[in-house]
C-alpha atoms as a PDB file:
ATOM      1  CA  UNK A   1      48.696 -33.724   3.309  1.00  0.00           C
ATOM      2  CA  UNK A   2      48.104 -30.998   0.746  1.00  0.00           C
ATOM      3  CA  UNK A   3      50.847 -28.606   1.880  1.00  0.00           C
ATOM      4  CA  UNK A   4      49.432 -28.332   5.393  1.00  0.00           C
ATOM      5  CA  UNK A   5      51.898 -27.184   8.056  1.00  0.00           C
ATOM      6  CA  UNK A   6      53.271 -29.797  10.435  1.00  0.00           C
ATOM      7  CA  UNK A   7      51.967 -29.840  14.004  1.00  0.00           C
ATOM      8  CA  UNK A   8      55.438 -28.747  15.173  1.00  0.00           C
ATOM      9  CA  UNK A   9      54.743 -25.376  13.507  1.00  0.00           C
ATOM     10  CA  UNK A  10      51.422 -24.793  15.334  1.00  0.00           C
ATOM     11  CA  UNK A  11      52.933 -22.551  18.015  1.00  0.00           C
ATOM     12  CA  UNK A  12      54.618 -20.392  15.367  1.00  0.00           C
ATOM     13  CA  UNK A  13      51.310 -20.122  13.494  1.00  0.00           C
ATOM     14  CA  UNK A  14      49.483 -19.043  16.665  1.00  0.00           C
ATOM     15  CA  UNK A  15      52.189 -16.471  17.488  1.00  0.00           C
ATOM     16  CA  UNK A  16      51.882 -15.019  13.998  1.00  0.00           C
ATOM     17  CA  UNK A  17      48.098 -14.714  14.376  1.00  0.00           C
ATOM     18  CA  UNK A  18      48.413 -13.119  17.826  1.00  0.00           C
ATOM     19  CA  UNK A  19      51.111 -10.641  16.827  1.00  0.00           C
ATOM     20  CA  UNK A  20      49.492  -9.508  13.590  1.00  0.00           C
ATOM     21  CA  UNK A  21      51.866  -6.532  13.437  1.00  0.00           C
ATOM     22  CA  UNK A  22      51.583  -5.537  17.111  1.00  0.00           C
ATOM     23  CA  UNK A  23      53.107  -6.463  20.445  1.00  0.00           C
ATOM     24  CA  UNK A  24      51.320  -9.250  22.317  1.00  0.00           C
ATOM     25  CA  UNK A  25      51.313  -6.999  25.400  1.00  0.00           C
ATOM     26  CA  UNK A  26      48.916  -4.698  23.506  1.00  0.00           C
ATOM     27  CA  UNK A  27      46.332  -7.395  22.739  1.00  0.00           C
ATOM     28  CA  UNK A  28      42.768  -6.891  23.818  1.00  0.00           C
ATOM     29  CA  UNK A  29      40.607  -9.829  24.805  1.00  0.00           C
ATOM     30  CA  UNK A  30      38.672  -9.509  21.565  1.00  0.00           C
ATOM     31  CA  UNK A  31      41.838  -9.409  19.458  1.00  0.00           C
ATOM     32  CA  UNK A  32      43.209 -12.516  21.218  1.00  0.00           C
ATOM     33  CA  UNK A  33      39.908 -14.362  20.711  1.00  0.00           C
ATOM     34  CA  UNK A  34      39.766 -13.464  17.004  1.00  0.00           C
ATOM     35  CA  UNK A  35      43.420 -14.456  16.516  1.00  0.00           C
ATOM     36  CA  UNK A  36      42.799 -17.811  18.187  1.00  0.00           C
ATOM     37  CA  UNK A  37      39.727 -18.421  16.011  1.00  0.00           C
ATOM     38  CA  UNK A  38      41.807 -17.726  12.871  1.00  0.00           C
ATOM     39  CA  UNK A  39      44.400 -20.186  14.200  1.00  0.00           C
ATOM     40  CA  UNK A  40      41.645 -22.731  14.941  1.00  0.00           C
ATOM     41  CA  UNK A  41      40.425 -22.636  11.327  1.00  0.00           C
ATOM     42  CA  UNK A  42      43.836 -23.462   9.910  1.00  0.00           C
ATOM     43  CA  UNK A  43      44.407 -27.105   8.970  1.00  0.00           C
ATOM     44  CA  UNK A  44      47.556 -28.973   9.983  1.00  0.00           C
ATOM     45  CA  UNK A  45      49.120 -32.231   8.801  1.00  0.00           C
ATOM     46  CA  UNK A  46      47.318 -34.569  11.202  1.00  0.00           C
ATOM     47  CA  UNK A  47      46.067 -38.133  10.978  1.00  0.00           C
ATOM     48  CA  UNK A  48      42.675 -38.511   9.263  1.00  0.00           C
ATOM     49  CA  UNK A  49      40.922 -39.477  12.515  1.00  0.00           C
ATOM     50  CA  UNK A  50      38.154 -37.571  14.339  1.00  0.00           C
ATOM     51  CA  UNK A  51      40.182 -36.806  17.492  1.00  0.00           C
ATOM     52  CA  UNK A  52      43.512 -35.950  15.868  1.00  0.00           C
ATOM     53  CA  UNK A  53      42.862 -32.192  16.067  1.00  0.00           C
ATOM     54  CA  UNK A  54      40.568 -30.567  18.597  1.00  0.00           C
ATOM     55  CA  UNK A  55      39.771 -27.399  20.489  1.00  0.00           C
ATOM     56  CA  UNK A  56      39.497 -27.140  24.265  1.00  0.00           C
ATOM     57  CA  UNK A  57      38.149 -24.201  26.229  1.00  0.00           C
ATOM     58  CA  UNK A  58      38.063 -23.445  29.947  1.00  0.00           C
ATOM     59  CA  UNK A  59      37.633 -20.517  32.270  1.00  0.00           C
ATOM     60  CA  UNK A  60      37.446 -19.871  35.978  1.00  0.00           C
ATOM     61  CA  UNK A  61      39.220 -18.366  38.955  1.00  0.00           C
ATOM     62  CA  UNK A  62      42.373 -20.285  39.817  1.00  0.00           C
ATOM     63  CA  UNK A  63      45.504 -19.769  41.906  1.00  0.00           C
ATOM     64  CA  UNK A  64      48.033 -21.830  39.931  1.00  0.00           C
ATOM     65  CA  UNK A  65      50.898 -19.370  40.351  1.00  0.00           C
ATOM     66  CA  UNK A  66      50.201 -17.576  43.623  1.00  0.00           C
ATOM     67  CA  UNK A  67      47.301 -15.189  43.934  1.00  0.00           C
ATOM     68  CA  UNK A  68      43.918 -16.057  42.405  1.00  0.00           C
ATOM     69  CA  UNK A  69      43.335 -14.851  38.854  1.00  0.00           C
ATOM     70  CA  UNK A  70      40.404 -15.248  36.484  1.00  0.00           C
ATOM     71  CA  UNK A  71      41.741 -17.230  33.531  1.00  0.00           C
ATOM     72  CA  UNK A  72      40.467 -18.039  30.085  1.00  0.00           C
ATOM     73  CA  UNK A  73      42.407 -20.842  28.407  1.00  0.00           C
ATOM     74  CA  UNK A  74      42.003 -21.464  24.670  1.00  0.00           C
ATOM     75  CA  UNK A  75      43.761 -24.673  23.624  1.00  0.00           C
ATOM     76  CA  UNK A  76      44.287 -26.612  20.437  1.00  0.00           C
ATOM     77  CA  UNK A  77      45.147 -30.262  21.020  1.00  0.00           C
ATOM     78  CA  UNK A  78      46.773 -32.581  18.504  1.00  0.00           C
ATOM     79  CA  UNK A  79      46.874 -36.362  18.888  1.00  0.00           C
ATOM     80  CA  UNK A  80      50.320 -37.676  17.948  1.00  0.00           C
ATOM     81  CA  UNK A  81      50.534 -41.288  16.833  1.00  0.00           C
ATOM     82  CA  UNK A  82      53.388 -43.760  16.903  1.00  0.00           C
ATOM     83  CA  UNK A  83      54.805 -45.657  13.903  1.00  0.00           C
ATOM     84  CA  UNK A  84      51.807 -48.028  13.927  1.00  0.00           C
ATOM     85  CA  UNK A  85      49.272 -45.182  13.968  1.00  0.00           C
ATOM     86  CA  UNK A  86      48.377 -45.766  17.633  1.00  0.00           C
ATOM     87  CA  UNK A  87      48.030 -42.887  20.115  1.00  0.00           C
ATOM     88  CA  UNK A  88      51.401 -41.909  21.590  1.00  0.00           C
ATOM     89  CA  UNK A  89      50.871 -38.487  23.166  1.00  0.00           C
ATOM     90  CA  UNK A  90      49.166 -35.124  22.793  1.00  0.00           C
ATOM     91  CA  UNK A  91      50.624 -31.770  21.823  1.00  0.00           C
ATOM     92  CA  UNK A  92      48.740 -28.733  23.130  1.00  0.00           C
ATOM     93  CA  UNK A  93      49.088 -25.106  22.085  1.00  0.00           C
ATOM     94  CA  UNK A  94      47.568 -22.663  24.603  1.00  0.00           C
ATOM     95  CA  UNK A  95      46.492 -19.061  24.591  1.00  0.00           C
ATOM     96  CA  UNK A  96      45.876 -18.130  28.221  1.00  0.00           C
ATOM     97  CA  UNK A  97      44.305 -14.820  29.212  1.00  0.00           C
ATOM     98  CA  UNK A  98      44.549 -13.696  32.855  1.00  0.00           C
ATOM     99  CA  UNK A  99      42.520 -11.035  34.634  1.00  0.00           C
ATOM    100  CA  UNK A 100      42.486  -9.573  38.117  1.00  0.00           C
ATOM    101  CA  UNK A 101      39.660 -11.084  40.147  1.00  0.00           C
ATOM    102  CA  UNK A 102      36.446  -9.082  40.151  1.00  0.00           C
ATOM    103  CA  UNK A 103      33.057 -10.087  41.544  1.00  0.00           C
ATOM    104  CA  UNK A 104      31.468 -10.183  38.074  1.00  0.00           C
ATOM    105  CA  UNK A 105      34.156 -12.598  36.817  1.00  0.00           C
ATOM    106  CA  UNK A 106      34.059 -14.744  39.958  1.00  0.00           C
ATOM    107  CA  UNK A 107      30.275 -14.997  39.543  1.00  0.00           C
ATOM    108  CA  UNK A 108      30.824 -16.785  36.220  1.00  0.00           C
ATOM    109  CA  UNK A 109      32.154 -19.801  38.101  1.00  0.00           C
ATOM    110  CA  UNK A 110      34.149 -22.202  35.976  1.00  0.00           C
ATOM    111  CA  UNK A 111      33.593 -24.139  32.782  1.00  0.00           C
ATOM    112  CA  UNK A 112      35.480 -26.501  30.496  1.00  0.00           C
ATOM    113  CA  UNK A 113      34.676 -28.149  27.208  1.00  0.00           C
END
């Protein structure tokens, strides 16, 4: 597949884009978004089918781990096939941004695509 990285390397590729010479604790929202978009443009060794590599996006106020937080979740999803080329499972690589709840963020509601 033309020297494209394997899907198993996707998390390493995203980490490299996010770090870009700085600590991930120092990332701004804009820097995280731009890093994820660079990651999203990179091609991986996937099957030549329309749904083998996709981007998912969601945001909203959720309380998955205790107190409510406004979350933005940027995800890249890869379809992994079995030996016959049939769907077996998905691999997802996430970049999740969390913010303290504020009325302006809560007013955005939630969205996924």
